[in-house]
Protein backbone atom coordinates (compact mmCIF):
# COMPACT_ATOMS: atom_id res chain seq x y z
CA MET A 1 -10.33 -39.29 29.77
CA HIS A 2 -7.33 -40.52 27.83
CA GLY A 3 -6.84 -42.24 24.52
CA GLU A 4 -4.38 -43.09 21.79
CA ALA A 5 -6.42 -41.92 18.82
CA PRO A 6 -9.09 -39.33 18.12
CA PRO A 7 -12.60 -40.49 18.89
CA SER A 8 -14.86 -41.78 16.16
CA GLY A 9 -15.88 -38.96 13.84
CA SER A 10 -12.77 -36.85 14.41
CA ASP A 11 -11.29 -35.45 11.21
CA ALA A 12 -7.74 -36.30 12.29
CA GLY A 13 -8.33 -40.04 11.99
CA ALA A 14 -9.77 -39.99 8.47
CA PHE A 15 -6.83 -38.87 6.33
CA ARG A 16 -3.33 -37.90 7.32
CA PRO A 17 -1.05 -36.02 4.93
CA TYR A 18 2.25 -37.77 4.36
CA TRP A 19 4.35 -35.48 6.58
CA PHE A 20 1.97 -35.72 9.52
CA ASP A 21 1.48 -39.46 9.22
CA GLU A 22 5.24 -40.06 9.13
CA ALA A 23 5.81 -37.82 12.14
CA LEU A 24 3.24 -39.66 14.25
CA LYS A 25 4.66 -43.02 13.18
CA ARG A 26 8.14 -41.92 14.19
CA GLU A 27 6.81 -40.61 17.49
CA GLY A 28 5.22 -43.93 18.34
CA GLU A 29 2.34 -44.38 20.75
CA HIS A 30 0.68 -41.05 21.33
CA GLU A 31 -1.56 -40.42 24.30
CA ILE A 32 -4.25 -37.80 23.80
CA THR A 33 -5.48 -35.93 26.86
CA PRO A 34 -8.61 -33.81 26.41
CA LEU A 35 -9.52 -31.17 28.97
CA ASN A 36 -12.02 -32.48 31.48
CA GLY A 37 -12.81 -29.93 34.16
CA HIS A 38 -12.37 -26.28 34.98
CA ILE A 39 -8.89 -24.81 35.35
CA ALA A 40 -7.16 -21.45 35.65
CA SER A 41 -4.13 -20.38 33.67
CA ASP A 42 -2.06 -17.25 33.17
CA VAL A 43 -2.28 -17.72 29.39
CA CYS A 44 -4.62 -19.93 27.37
CA ILE A 45 -3.55 -20.54 23.79
CA VAL A 46 -6.15 -21.88 21.38
CA GLY A 47 -4.42 -23.81 18.61
CA GLY A 48 -1.54 -26.28 18.77
CA GLY A 49 0.33 -25.37 15.59
CA TYR A 50 3.47 -23.32 15.00
CA THR A 51 1.98 -20.01 16.11
CA GLY A 52 0.56 -21.29 19.38
CA LEU A 53 3.63 -23.35 20.26
CA TRP A 54 6.19 -20.65 19.44
CA THR A 55 4.16 -18.17 21.49
CA ALA A 56 4.03 -20.53 24.46
CA LEU A 57 7.73 -21.37 24.30
CA MET A 58 8.77 -17.72 24.01
CA LEU A 59 6.58 -16.79 26.97
CA LYS A 60 8.24 -19.55 29.01
CA GLU A 61 11.66 -18.20 28.08
CA GLN A 62 10.65 -14.77 29.37
CA ASP A 63 8.95 -16.08 32.52
CA PRO A 64 9.67 -19.70 33.49
CA ASP A 65 6.99 -19.57 36.20
CA ILE A 66 4.14 -18.50 33.93
CA LYS A 67 1.31 -21.04 33.69
CA ILE A 68 0.38 -21.73 30.07
CA THR A 69 -2.37 -23.96 28.71
CA ILE A 70 -2.73 -24.95 25.05
CA ILE A 71 -5.92 -26.49 23.71
CA GLU A 72 -6.08 -28.10 20.26
CA LYS A 73 -9.27 -29.40 18.69
CA GLU A 74 -7.49 -32.32 17.00
CA ILE A 75 -3.86 -33.38 17.41
CA CYS A 76 -1.19 -30.69 17.62
CA GLY A 77 0.09 -30.10 14.10
CA TYR A 78 -3.02 -31.48 12.42
CA GLY A 79 -3.60 -28.28 10.42
CA ALA A 80 -1.24 -26.38 8.15
CA SER A 81 1.72 -26.76 10.51
CA GLY A 82 1.88 -30.49 9.88
CA SER A 83 0.93 -30.60 6.22
CA ASN A 84 2.50 -27.62 4.46
CA GLY A 85 5.15 -27.84 1.75
CA GLY A 86 8.05 -27.57 4.18
CA CYS A 87 9.54 -24.49 2.50
CA VAL A 88 11.68 -22.31 4.77
CA LEU A 89 11.67 -18.90 3.07
CA THR A 90 12.08 -15.24 4.02
CA LEU A 91 10.47 -11.90 3.15
CA ALA A 92 13.29 -10.29 1.19
CA THR A 93 11.71 -10.60 -2.25
CA LYS A 94 8.48 -9.00 -0.92
CA TYR A 95 10.34 -5.82 -0.03
CA PHE A 96 8.26 -3.50 -2.23
CA SER A 97 5.01 -4.73 -0.69
CA LEU A 98 6.46 -4.32 2.78
CA CYS A 99 7.42 -0.74 1.94
CA ARG A 100 3.97 -0.02 0.55
CA PHE A 101 2.11 -1.23 3.62
CA TYR A 102 4.51 -0.51 6.48
CA GLY A 103 7.00 2.09 5.29
CA ARG A 104 10.62 1.77 4.26
CA ASN A 105 12.17 1.55 7.74
CA GLU A 106 9.78 -1.12 8.97
CA ALA A 107 10.11 -3.00 5.67
CA ARG A 108 13.86 -3.10 6.14
CA ARG A 109 13.48 -4.33 9.72
CA LEU A 110 10.98 -7.03 8.76
CA VAL A 111 13.20 -8.33 5.97
CA MET A 112 16.13 -8.58 8.38
CA ALA A 113 13.93 -10.16 11.07
CA SER A 114 12.70 -12.82 8.64
CA GLU A 115 16.29 -13.59 7.65
CA GLU A 116 17.22 -13.86 11.33
CA SER A 117 14.27 -16.15 12.05
CA VAL A 118 15.67 -18.86 9.77
CA GLN A 119 18.79 -19.06 11.90
CA LYS A 120 16.79 -18.80 15.12
CA ILE A 121 14.65 -21.78 14.14
CA LYS A 122 17.78 -23.73 13.23
CA GLN A 123 19.41 -22.81 16.54
CA TYR A 124 16.32 -23.79 18.53
CA THR A 125 15.97 -27.18 16.88
CA GLU A 126 19.63 -27.93 17.52
CA GLU A 127 19.57 -26.80 21.16
CA HIS A 128 16.44 -28.83 21.91
CA HIS A 129 17.34 -31.86 19.79
CA ILE A 130 14.35 -31.56 17.47
CA ASP A 131 15.13 -33.93 14.60
CA CYS A 132 12.98 -32.43 11.85
CA ASP A 133 15.19 -32.79 8.76
CA LEU A 134 15.79 -29.03 8.71
CA ARG A 135 18.34 -28.21 6.03
CA ILE A 136 19.38 -24.61 5.51
CA ASP A 137 20.68 -25.26 2.01
CA GLY A 138 19.21 -22.14 0.44
CA ALA A 139 16.42 -21.12 -1.89
CA GLN A 140 16.50 -20.82 -5.65
CA TYR A 141 13.92 -18.71 -7.49
CA ILE A 142 13.80 -19.56 -11.16
CA ALA A 143 12.26 -18.23 -14.36
CA THR A 144 10.85 -21.07 -16.46
CA ASN A 145 9.80 -19.03 -19.50
CA GLU A 146 10.88 -15.77 -21.12
CA ALA A 147 8.01 -13.81 -19.56
CA GLN A 148 9.38 -14.59 -16.10
CA VAL A 149 12.89 -13.40 -16.93
CA GLY A 150 13.70 -10.14 -15.18
CA VAL A 151 10.86 -10.41 -12.66
CA MET A 152 13.26 -10.14 -9.72
CA ASP A 153 15.61 -7.48 -11.11
CA GLU A 154 14.00 -4.44 -9.50
CA VAL A 155 13.54 -5.92 -6.05
CA ILE A 156 17.10 -7.29 -6.03
CA GLN A 157 18.40 -3.83 -6.93
CA ALA A 158 16.33 -2.22 -4.16
CA LEU A 159 17.55 -4.74 -1.59
CA GLU A 160 21.11 -4.12 -2.74
CA GLU A 161 20.68 -0.37 -2.30
CA GLU A 162 19.38 -0.98 1.24
CA GLY A 163 22.32 -3.25 2.04
CA ILE A 164 20.03 -6.17 2.91
CA ASN A 165 20.21 -8.31 -0.23
CA PRO A 166 20.85 -12.04 0.35
CA TRP A 167 20.22 -13.00 -3.31
CA VAL A 168 22.78 -13.55 -6.07
CA ARG A 169 22.21 -14.22 -9.74
CA GLN A 170 23.34 -17.71 -10.72
CA PRO A 171 25.05 -18.49 -14.02
CA LEU A 172 22.54 -20.44 -16.08
CA GLU A 173 24.66 -23.59 -16.29
CA LYS A 174 25.16 -23.64 -12.51
CA ALA A 175 21.45 -22.96 -11.94
CA VAL A 176 20.41 -25.91 -14.13
CA GLU A 177 22.88 -28.16 -12.36
CA PHE A 178 21.61 -27.05 -8.93
CA ALA A 179 17.89 -27.41 -9.69
CA GLY A 180 18.20 -30.63 -11.66
CA THR A 181 15.94 -29.36 -14.42
CA ASN A 182 16.43 -27.77 -17.83
CA GLU A 183 13.27 -25.68 -17.38
CA ILE A 184 15.28 -22.62 -16.37
CA ARG A 185 15.82 -19.34 -18.18
CA GLU A 186 17.15 -17.37 -15.20
CA ALA A 187 17.84 -18.04 -11.52
CA PHE A 188 18.68 -16.32 -8.25
CA PHE A 189 19.97 -18.00 -5.10
CA SER A 190 19.86 -17.12 -1.40
CA PRO A 191 21.80 -19.25 1.10
CA ASN A 192 19.59 -18.32 4.08
CA ALA A 193 16.60 -20.58 3.41
CA GLY A 194 15.88 -24.26 2.95
CA SER A 195 13.38 -26.99 3.76
CA VAL A 196 12.03 -28.96 6.69
CA GLN A 197 9.80 -31.91 7.47
CA PRO A 198 7.09 -29.63 8.88
CA ALA A 199 5.23 -32.17 10.98
CA LEU A 200 8.43 -33.31 12.69
CA LEU A 201 9.09 -29.68 13.58
CA VAL A 202 5.67 -29.07 15.10
CA ARG A 203 5.67 -32.37 16.98
CA GLY A 204 9.15 -31.58 18.25
CA LEU A 205 7.89 -28.25 19.57
CA VAL A 206 5.07 -30.12 21.32
CA ARG A 207 7.62 -32.32 23.09
CA VAL A 208 9.70 -29.35 24.21
CA ALA A 209 6.60 -27.48 25.39
CA ARG A 210 5.57 -30.40 27.58
CA GLU A 211 9.08 -30.71 28.96
CA LYS A 212 8.89 -27.06 30.00
CA GLY A 213 5.67 -27.63 31.91
CA ILE A 214 3.21 -26.23 29.37
CA GLN A 215 -0.14 -28.00 29.66
CA ILE A 216 -1.44 -29.32 26.33
CA TYR A 217 -4.94 -30.67 25.88
CA GLU A 218 -5.62 -32.24 22.50
CA ASN A 219 -9.00 -33.24 21.11
CA THR A 220 -10.29 -30.16 22.94
CA PRO A 221 -12.04 -27.62 20.70
CA MET A 222 -12.96 -24.13 21.84
CA ASN A 223 -16.75 -23.92 21.94
CA GLN A 224 -16.98 -20.32 23.05
CA ILE A 225 -14.94 -17.48 24.44
CA LEU A 226 -16.48 -15.26 27.11
CA PRO A 227 -14.75 -11.89 26.75
CA ASP A 228 -16.88 -9.65 28.96
CA ARG A 229 -14.56 -9.69 31.96
CA ALA A 230 -10.97 -8.85 32.90
CA ARG A 231 -10.11 -12.54 32.79
CA PRO A 232 -11.66 -14.06 29.66
CA LYS A 233 -12.91 -17.63 29.84
CA VAL A 234 -12.52 -20.25 27.12
CA MET A 235 -15.28 -22.84 27.10
CA THR A 236 -14.69 -26.39 25.83
CA PRO A 237 -17.04 -29.40 25.56
CA ASP A 238 -16.06 -30.79 28.95
CA GLY A 239 -14.45 -27.89 30.75
CA SER A 240 -13.23 -24.31 30.74
CA ILE A 241 -10.07 -22.25 31.18
CA ASP A 242 -10.16 -19.04 33.16
CA ALA A 243 -7.18 -17.08 31.84
CA GLY A 244 -5.41 -13.80 32.31
CA LYS A 245 -4.62 -13.77 28.59
CA VAL A 246 -6.05 -15.67 25.64
CA VAL A 247 -4.19 -16.16 22.36
CA LEU A 248 -6.19 -17.25 19.32
CA ALA A 249 -3.73 -19.17 17.15
CA ILE A 250 -6.15 -21.02 14.88
CA ASN A 251 -5.04 -19.34 11.64
CA ALA A 252 -7.41 -20.00 8.71
CA TRP A 253 -10.21 -21.07 11.07
CA MET A 254 -10.44 -17.47 12.34
CA ALA A 255 -12.47 -16.48 9.28
CA SER A 256 -15.23 -18.98 10.03
CA GLU A 257 -15.08 -18.84 13.84
CA PHE A 258 -15.25 -15.04 14.12
CA ARG A 259 -17.56 -13.20 11.78
CA GLN A 260 -15.57 -9.97 11.93
CA PHE A 261 -12.71 -11.75 10.12
CA SER A 262 -14.81 -13.48 7.46
CA ARG A 263 -13.56 -11.11 4.74
CA SER A 264 -10.02 -10.65 6.05
CA ILE A 265 -8.58 -13.65 4.20
CA VAL A 266 -9.28 -16.06 1.40
CA VAL A 267 -8.53 -19.71 1.99
CA VAL A 268 -6.61 -21.05 -1.00
CA SER A 269 -5.36 -24.55 -1.66
CA SER A 270 -1.82 -25.73 -2.06
CA ASP A 271 -1.70 -29.16 -3.70
CA MET A 272 1.27 -31.37 -2.97
CA ALA A 273 2.70 -34.70 -4.08
CA ILE A 274 5.57 -36.71 -2.70
CA THR A 275 7.25 -39.52 -4.59
CA GLU A 276 8.45 -42.88 -3.45
CA PRO A 277 12.16 -42.89 -2.51
CA ILE A 278 14.16 -42.21 -5.70
CA PRO A 279 17.62 -41.29 -4.35
CA ASP A 280 19.49 -42.61 -7.40
CA ARG A 281 17.44 -40.53 -9.81
CA LEU A 282 17.74 -37.45 -7.62
CA GLU A 283 21.49 -37.90 -7.61
CA GLU A 284 21.50 -38.30 -11.40
CA VAL A 285 19.95 -34.86 -11.87
CA GLY A 286 21.92 -33.23 -9.04
CA LEU A 287 19.17 -32.82 -6.45
CA THR A 288 21.28 -33.88 -3.49
CA HIS A 289 20.50 -30.90 -1.23
CA GLY A 290 17.59 -29.52 0.77
CA ALA A 291 17.12 -26.16 -0.93
CA THR A 292 13.61 -25.01 -1.81
CA ILE A 293 13.15 -24.13 -5.47
CA CYS A 294 10.26 -21.96 -6.70
CA ASP A 295 9.35 -20.70 -10.13
CA SER A 296 8.11 -17.18 -10.84
CA ARG A 297 4.45 -17.86 -11.47
CA THR A 298 1.71 -16.12 -9.54
CA PHE A 299 0.60 -19.47 -8.11
CA VAL A 300 4.02 -21.00 -7.89
CA HIS A 301 5.40 -24.44 -8.45
CA TYR A 302 7.78 -25.35 -5.63
CA PHE A 303 9.87 -28.40 -4.88
CA HIS A 304 12.60 -29.83 -2.70
CA THR A 305 13.90 -33.23 -1.68
CA SER A 306 13.43 -35.13 1.57
CA THR A 307 16.26 -36.66 3.56
CA ASP A 308 15.16 -40.16 2.55
CA GLY A 309 15.43 -39.41 -1.17
CA ARG A 310 11.93 -38.33 -2.15
CA LEU A 311 10.79 -35.36 -4.22
CA LEU A 312 8.17 -33.05 -2.73
CA PHE A 313 6.41 -31.03 -5.43
CA GLY A 314 3.64 -28.49 -4.90
CA LYS A 315 1.42 -26.03 -6.73
CA GLY A 316 -0.69 -23.26 -5.24
CA GLY A 317 -3.91 -21.58 -6.26
CA ASN A 318 -6.24 -24.31 -7.50
CA THR A 319 -9.13 -24.13 -5.03
CA PHE A 320 -10.65 -21.04 -3.41
CA ALA A 321 -13.02 -21.81 -0.55
CA TYR A 322 -16.43 -20.17 -0.69
CA GLY A 323 -16.89 -18.12 2.47
CA SER A 324 -13.25 -18.82 3.41
CA LYS A 325 -14.29 -22.06 5.06
CA MET A 326 -11.81 -24.79 5.90
CA LEU A 327 -13.37 -27.28 3.52
CA PRO A 328 -13.07 -31.07 3.92
CA LEU A 329 -11.04 -31.19 0.69
CA PHE A 330 -8.21 -29.38 2.51
CA PHE A 331 -7.75 -32.60 4.47
CA GLN A 332 -7.90 -35.09 1.61
CA ALA A 333 -5.89 -36.45 -1.27
CA SER A 334 -5.45 -33.83 -3.97
CA ALA A 335 -8.04 -33.63 -6.72
CA TYR A 336 -5.25 -32.23 -8.91
CA SER A 337 -2.88 -35.20 -8.80
CA SER A 338 -2.75 -35.43 -12.60
CA GLN A 339 -1.78 -31.75 -12.78
CA LEU A 340 1.03 -32.38 -10.30
CA GLU A 341 2.23 -35.44 -12.20
CA ARG A 342 2.33 -33.49 -15.48
CA ALA A 343 4.30 -30.70 -13.83
CA ILE A 344 6.80 -33.14 -12.34
CA GLU A 345 7.21 -34.79 -15.74
CA ARG A 346 7.79 -31.40 -17.34
CA PHE A 347 10.46 -30.41 -14.84
CA PHE A 348 11.97 -33.88 -14.49
CA PRO A 349 11.35 -36.17 -17.49
CA ARG A 350 13.51 -38.85 -15.85
CA PHE A 351 11.02 -39.13 -12.98
CA LYS A 352 8.09 -40.06 -15.23
CA SER A 353 7.89 -43.61 -13.93
CA ALA A 354 8.31 -42.64 -10.27
CA LYS A 355 5.37 -43.64 -8.11
CA MET A 356 3.54 -40.95 -6.17
CA GLU A 357 3.57 -42.06 -2.53
CA GLN A 358 0.76 -39.64 -1.72
CA THR A 359 -0.90 -36.42 -2.79
CA TRP A 360 -2.73 -34.05 -0.46
CA THR A 361 -4.25 -30.60 -0.29
CA GLY A 362 -3.70 -27.95 2.35
CA GLY A 363 -5.49 -24.67 2.99
CA SER A 364 -3.55 -21.40 3.14
CA ASP A 365 -4.95 -18.26 4.79
CA ARG A 366 -4.09 -15.46 2.36
CA SER A 367 -4.58 -11.86 3.39
CA THR A 368 -5.09 -8.88 1.08
CA THR A 369 -1.49 -7.81 1.69
CA GLY A 370 0.14 -11.23 1.50
CA PHE A 371 1.38 -10.79 5.10
CA PRO A 372 0.11 -11.92 8.50
CA PHE A 373 -1.63 -9.57 10.89
CA PHE A 374 -2.03 -9.49 14.66
CA GLY A 375 -4.14 -7.63 17.15
CA ASN A 376 -6.66 -7.71 19.98
CA LEU A 377 -10.04 -9.35 19.44
CA ASP A 378 -12.66 -6.57 19.39
CA GLU A 379 -10.12 -4.34 21.18
CA HIS A 380 -10.20 -6.60 24.24
CA PRO A 381 -6.89 -5.96 26.05
CA ASN A 382 -6.46 -9.60 27.05
CA ILE A 383 -7.45 -11.51 23.91
CA HIS A 384 -4.85 -11.55 21.15
CA TYR A 385 -4.75 -13.18 17.72
CA GLY A 386 -2.53 -13.64 14.69
CA PHE A 387 -3.05 -15.25 11.29
CA GLY A 388 -2.90 -14.66 7.52
CA TYR A 389 0.57 -16.09 6.86
CA SER A 390 -0.24 -16.35 3.15
CA GLY A 391 1.78 -19.47 2.43
CA ASN A 392 4.92 -18.51 4.35
CA GLY A 393 4.07 -19.73 7.83
CA VAL A 394 7.07 -21.94 8.59
CA THR A 395 9.35 -18.94 9.01
CA LEU A 396 6.89 -16.16 9.79
CA SER A 397 5.21 -18.08 12.62
CA TRP A 398 8.43 -17.66 14.56
CA LEU A 399 8.02 -13.89 14.15
CA GLY A 400 4.37 -14.37 15.06
CA GLY A 401 5.41 -16.00 18.31
CA ARG A 402 7.59 -13.02 19.17
CA ILE A 403 4.77 -10.58 18.42
CA LEU A 404 2.17 -12.47 20.44
CA CYS A 405 4.61 -12.94 23.31
CA SER A 406 5.08 -9.17 23.52
CA LEU A 407 1.34 -8.56 23.32
CA CYS A 408 0.69 -11.07 26.10
CA LEU A 409 3.29 -9.43 28.32
CA ASP A 410 1.84 -5.95 27.59
CA ARG A 411 5.20 -4.75 26.37
CA ASP A 412 5.85 -1.62 24.38
CA ASP A 413 8.64 -2.81 22.10
CA GLU A 414 9.55 -3.37 18.47
CA TRP A 415 7.30 -6.44 18.31
CA SER A 416 4.17 -5.00 19.90
CA ARG A 417 4.65 -1.99 17.58
CA CYS A 418 5.48 -4.19 14.57
CA GLY A 419 3.89 -3.26 11.25
CA PHE A 420 2.00 -6.55 11.27
CA VAL A 421 0.15 -5.46 14.45
CA GLY A 422 -3.12 -3.57 14.18
CA GLY A 423 -5.47 -6.00 12.51
CA PRO A 424 -6.26 -6.56 8.83
CA ARG A 425 -4.94 -3.99 6.37
CA GLY A 426 -7.76 -4.66 3.96
CA TYR A 427 -10.81 -6.79 3.26
CA PHE A 428 -12.02 -8.88 0.36
CA PRO A 429 -15.47 -8.29 -1.14
CA PRO A 430 -18.45 -10.14 0.37
CA GLU A 431 -19.69 -13.42 -1.03
CA PRO A 432 -20.58 -14.35 -3.68
CA ILE A 433 -18.53 -11.55 -5.25
CA ARG A 434 -15.32 -12.75 -3.60
CA TRP A 435 -15.61 -16.32 -4.86
CA ILE A 436 -16.76 -15.36 -8.36
CA GLY A 437 -13.96 -12.81 -8.58
CA SER A 438 -11.43 -15.36 -7.33
CA MET A 439 -12.47 -17.82 -10.02
CA MET A 440 -12.24 -15.16 -12.72
CA VAL A 441 -8.77 -14.12 -11.57
CA ARG A 442 -7.58 -17.72 -11.17
CA ASN A 443 -8.74 -18.69 -14.65
CA ALA A 444 -7.22 -15.57 -16.18
CA ILE A 445 -3.89 -16.39 -14.52
CA ARG A 446 -4.06 -19.95 -15.84
CA ARG A 447 -4.62 -18.71 -19.40
CA LYS A 448 -1.97 -16.02 -19.08
CA GLU A 449 0.68 -18.40 -17.79
CA ALA A 450 -0.22 -21.08 -20.35
CA ALA A 451 0.29 -18.50 -23.08
CA GLU A 452 3.63 -17.46 -21.59
CA ASP A 453 4.75 -21.10 -21.41
CA ALA A 454 3.89 -21.41 -25.11
CA GLY A 455 5.82 -18.25 -25.94
CA VAL A 456 2.64 -16.42 -26.91
CA ARG A 457 1.66 -12.97 -25.69
CA PRO A 458 -1.30 -13.21 -23.26
CA ASN A 459 -4.42 -11.26 -24.09
CA PHE A 460 -4.99 -7.90 -22.41
CA TYR A 461 -7.93 -9.05 -20.28
CA ASP A 462 -6.02 -11.96 -18.73
CA SER A 463 -3.00 -9.77 -17.98
CA LEU A 464 -5.26 -7.15 -16.40
CA MET A 465 -7.12 -9.65 -14.23
CA ALA A 466 -3.86 -11.28 -13.09
CA ARG A 467 -2.84 -8.02 -11.44
CA PHE A 468 -5.49 -8.56 -8.77
CA ALA A 469 -3.39 -11.46 -7.43
CA LYS A 470 -0.04 -9.67 -7.42
CA SER A 471 0.41 -10.27 -3.67
CA ALA A 472 0.35 -14.05 -4.25
CA GLY A 473 3.70 -14.39 -6.00
CA LYS A 474 7.01 -15.00 -4.27
CA SER A 475 8.64 -11.87 -5.69
CA ASP A 476 7.53 -8.24 -6.03
CA LYS A 477 7.61 -5.79 -8.84
CA ARG A 478 7.91 -2.08 -8.12
CA ALA A 479 4.45 -0.49 -7.88
């Protein structure tokens, strides 16, 4: 059974976020091949996003003869991989949290590995001619009110003492010129970061995977996994895969597909808007690069340009899914478009008349630590998983691929022993406590940050409640 579009009723045909829609248009006619029949494979990977594809490609590099099958319930890249904000960032500013959960030595190694992954992704896209508008032009973290000033001082000092600090303080005048906005009180810059058209990256990885002989079946959901045997079997609507190893790379869907993970993450929205092409206005304010710029809020504002002269602007933390379900609204136009427009106008008054080409909402799988975790499903030696990227999946999924590759090959190395391996490091409360608590914390953060924007001291309750979301920010404070 073949086709050029998902069948009637498939979510992928209803609404396509801007990045994903543009990638498929650029790709041209796309033939979808669902699995129809029963096959055997050395490795079956469930999920055709960054994690699944990087894992497959790294396994092929280690063993060119290995037989790998990927199944994807929609079109590869349909989920977060094809609709995220396109921010290419590292773990350096989360150093204190890394130390707290994994120890100082492992924290240092993970920071360096995340820095290396940026260059590895760049190298891979160049070697395999993946045209995904990847620009390693840096990252700028800014303070937009006085309360945010000094937030990064301690972590920068700690990174400096460890000899792993990529960040430098920017003179205010230079920072304003670089970001194109006057809403800056302080800024730090790292050259080893940037932005990407995320859907072009994931679709490029699909092409390379097929060229390397990896079988990919789209429009093929996993109905069931039969784990009670040495070779687990993945059941699909019209077939099955008998595999030596199974990798579950379905990210936020893990919480609803496997009950044991229902409290391991919360699924939180990131709302995004992209403008019509405005290259002249971007040039006027100095936004002629591909750096990602983030403020220092708990639920950050972030923005960068596209190669065709658009502004991508996003804001996290508006919607928390009850039961950590992947809600339909995570695949729709944003309900917070007016909020995004007001934020763009605040940062860039000159862009007030710019038309929004599209808004959309994506779901992010946030763990209690703010970091991904990996392991074996119910201790089964041949079923591996990884998820919980917490809004930083573009870069960390490359590390995830390395970890899952080592687990699949039963290796005892730095990746199979990585601090991220071993399952969830904590759990959220059960429903409805989790959702009610999330709303209380979210609303407290909104009031706190509104007060800080107004130059008013937040009340004690709001400041106290905001501490429950300390893992959500882009930068750590010392515990």
